[in-house]
Amino acid sequence: MKCLKSTKTGAIIRVTDKEAHNSTSEWKYIPKSEWKALRKPVSEKQSEEAEKKAETISEKALKRQKLKDKQRPAEDLDNRLMEK
């Protein structure tokens, strides 16, 4: 099975390999993921979960950056150990 997209109308179809081979120049091959995206409706709950996930990722990044800023650089530690 192959996924084809019409260059004129933008319609996406899924056809057998033989039909795809015999298709006109109007049709171009596309990835299956593009065909699947049209088949799955996005609910409000899914979009809210995606937003939450993005938010938590950014919060984690901020926490990591704060922790990194608090830690002493390795150069300072090496210098102190060399002095002793």
C-alpha atoms as a PDB file:
ATOM      1  CA  MET A   1       0.000   0.000   0.000  1.00  0.00           C
ATOM      2  CA  LYS A   2       1.126   3.506  -0.845  1.00  0.00           C
ATOM      3  CA  CYS A   3      -0.096   6.951   0.124  1.00  0.00           C
ATOM      4  CA  LEU A   4      -0.573   9.500  -2.644  1.00  0.00           C
ATOM      5  CA  LYS A   5      -1.411  13.207  -2.547  1.00  0.00           C
ATOM      6  CA  SER A   6      -2.978  15.108  -5.412  1.00  0.00           C
ATOM      7  CA  THR A   7      -0.930  18.139  -6.429  1.00  0.00           C
ATOM      8  CA  LYS A   8      -4.085  19.821  -7.785  1.00  0.00           C
ATOM      9  CA  THR A   9      -6.603  19.275  -4.983  1.00  0.00           C
ATOM     10  CA  GLY A  10      -4.441  18.201  -2.039  1.00  0.00           C
ATOM     11  CA  ALA A  11      -6.554  15.076  -1.522  1.00  0.00           C
ATOM     12  CA  ILE A  12      -4.742  12.155   0.117  1.00  0.00           C
ATOM     13  CA  ILE A  13      -5.530   8.553  -0.817  1.00  0.00           C
ATOM     14  CA  ARG A  14      -4.169   5.137   0.088  1.00  0.00           C
ATOM     15  CA  VAL A  15      -3.890   2.680  -2.826  1.00  0.00           C
ATOM     16  CA  THR A  16      -2.211  -0.609  -3.699  1.00  0.00           C
ATOM     17  CA  ASP A  17       1.323  -0.674  -5.088  1.00  0.00           C
ATOM     18  CA  LYS A  18       0.085  -1.460  -8.623  1.00  0.00           C
ATOM     19  CA  GLU A  19      -2.405   1.407  -8.602  1.00  0.00           C
ATOM     20  CA  ALA A  20       0.260   3.764  -7.280  1.00  0.00           C
ATOM     21  CA  HIS A  21       2.669   2.726 -10.019  1.00  0.00           C
ATOM     22  CA  ASN A  22       0.025   3.429 -12.670  1.00  0.00           C
ATOM     23  CA  SER A  23      -0.983   6.801 -11.197  1.00  0.00           C
ATOM     24  CA  THR A  24      -0.732   9.984 -13.247  1.00  0.00           C
ATOM     25  CA  SER A  25       1.743  12.779 -12.686  1.00  0.00           C
ATOM     26  CA  GLU A  26      -0.938  14.564 -10.662  1.00  0.00           C
ATOM     27  CA  TRP A  27      -0.257  12.235  -7.701  1.00  0.00           C
ATOM     28  CA  LYS A  28       2.882  12.359  -5.544  1.00  0.00           C
ATOM     29  CA  TYR A  29       4.065   9.883  -2.908  1.00  0.00           C
ATOM     30  CA  ILE A  30       3.788  11.017   0.718  1.00  0.00           C
ATOM     31  CA  PRO A  31       4.680   9.393   4.070  1.00  0.00           C
ATOM     32  CA  LYS A  32       2.067   7.248   5.772  1.00  0.00           C
ATOM     33  CA  SER A  33       2.248   9.491   8.845  1.00  0.00           C
ATOM     34  CA  GLU A  34       0.709  12.336   6.828  1.00  0.00           C
ATOM     35  CA  TRP A  35      -2.193  10.060   5.823  1.00  0.00           C
ATOM     36  CA  LYS A  36      -2.627   8.904   9.447  1.00  0.00           C
ATOM     37  CA  ALA A  37      -2.710  12.484  10.724  1.00  0.00           C
ATOM     38  CA  LEU A  38      -5.870  13.140   8.733  1.00  0.00           C
ATOM     39  CA  ARG A  39      -7.558  10.023  10.097  1.00  0.00           C
ATOM     40  CA  LYS A  40      -7.102  10.778  13.803  1.00  0.00           C
ATOM     41  CA  PRO A  41      -9.165  13.674  15.143  1.00  0.00           C
ATOM     42  CA  VAL A  42      -7.415  15.640  17.879  1.00  0.00           C
ATOM     43  CA  SER A  43      -9.603  16.015  20.926  1.00  0.00           C
ATOM     44  CA  GLU A  44      -9.457  18.896  23.383  1.00  0.00           C
ATOM     45  CA  LYS A  45      -8.100  16.558  26.032  1.00  0.00           C
ATOM     46  CA  GLN A  46      -5.182  15.515  23.818  1.00  0.00           C
ATOM     47  CA  SER A  47      -4.317  19.119  22.991  1.00  0.00           C
ATOM     48  CA  GLU A  48      -4.431  20.061  26.697  1.00  0.00           C
ATOM     49  CA  GLU A  49      -2.140  17.141  27.550  1.00  0.00           C
ATOM     50  CA  ALA A  50       0.314  18.234  24.871  1.00  0.00           C
ATOM     51  CA  GLU A  51       0.364  21.758  26.310  1.00  0.00           C
ATOM     52  CA  LYS A  52       0.927  20.426  29.834  1.00  0.00           C
ATOM     53  CA  LYS A  53       3.759  18.236  28.620  1.00  0.00           C
ATOM     54  CA  ALA A  54       5.460  21.183  26.926  1.00  0.00           C
ATOM     55  CA  GLU A  55       5.014  23.243  30.085  1.00  0.00           C
ATOM     56  CA  THR A  56       6.525  20.584  32.347  1.00  0.00           C
ATOM     57  CA  ILE A  57       9.480  20.175  30.013  1.00  0.00           C
ATOM     58  CA  SER A  58      10.217  23.892  30.197  1.00  0.00           C
ATOM     59  CA  GLU A  59       9.849  23.829  33.990  1.00  0.00           C
ATOM     60  CA  LYS A  60      12.341  20.969  34.203  1.00  0.00           C
ATOM     61  CA  ALA A  61      14.762  22.866  32.010  1.00  0.00           C
ATOM     62  CA  LEU A  62      14.547  25.896  34.292  1.00  0.00           C
ATOM     63  CA  LYS A  63      15.151  23.753  37.371  1.00  0.00           C
ATOM     64  CA  ARG A  64      18.183  22.141  35.751  1.00  0.00           C
ATOM     65  CA  GLN A  65      19.598  25.540  34.822  1.00  0.00           C
ATOM     66  CA  LYS A  66      19.150  26.840  38.385  1.00  0.00           C
ATOM     67  CA  LEU A  67      20.882  23.760  39.775  1.00  0.00           C
ATOM     68  CA  LYS A  68      23.711  24.168  37.299  1.00  0.00           C
ATOM     69  CA  ASP A  69      24.148  27.815  38.308  1.00  0.00           C
ATOM     70  CA  LYS A  70      24.353  26.838  41.981  1.00  0.00           C
ATOM     71  CA  GLN A  71      27.035  24.218  41.455  1.00  0.00           C
ATOM     72  CA  ARG A  72      30.649  25.241  41.641  1.00  0.00           C
ATOM     73  CA  PRO A  73      32.643  25.077  38.439  1.00  0.00           C
ATOM     74  CA  ALA A  74      35.139  22.207  38.263  1.00  0.00           C
ATOM     75  CA  GLU A  75      38.042  24.638  37.736  1.00  0.00           C
ATOM     76  CA  ASP A  76      37.479  26.248  41.144  1.00  0.00           C
ATOM     77  CA  LEU A  77      37.474  22.848  42.805  1.00  0.00           C
ATOM     78  CA  ASP A  78      40.712  21.823  41.085  1.00  0.00           C
ATOM     79  CA  ASN A  79      42.413  25.066  42.127  1.00  0.00           C
ATOM     80  CA  ARG A  80      41.400  24.606  45.756  1.00  0.00           C
ATOM     81  CA  LEU A  81      42.671  21.044  45.821  1.00  0.00           C
ATOM     82  CA  MET A  82      46.001  22.068  44.303  1.00  0.00           C
ATOM     83  CA  GLU A  83      46.541  24.747  46.962  1.00  0.00           C
ATOM     84  CA  LYS A  84      46.335  22.225  49.804  1.00  0.00           C
END
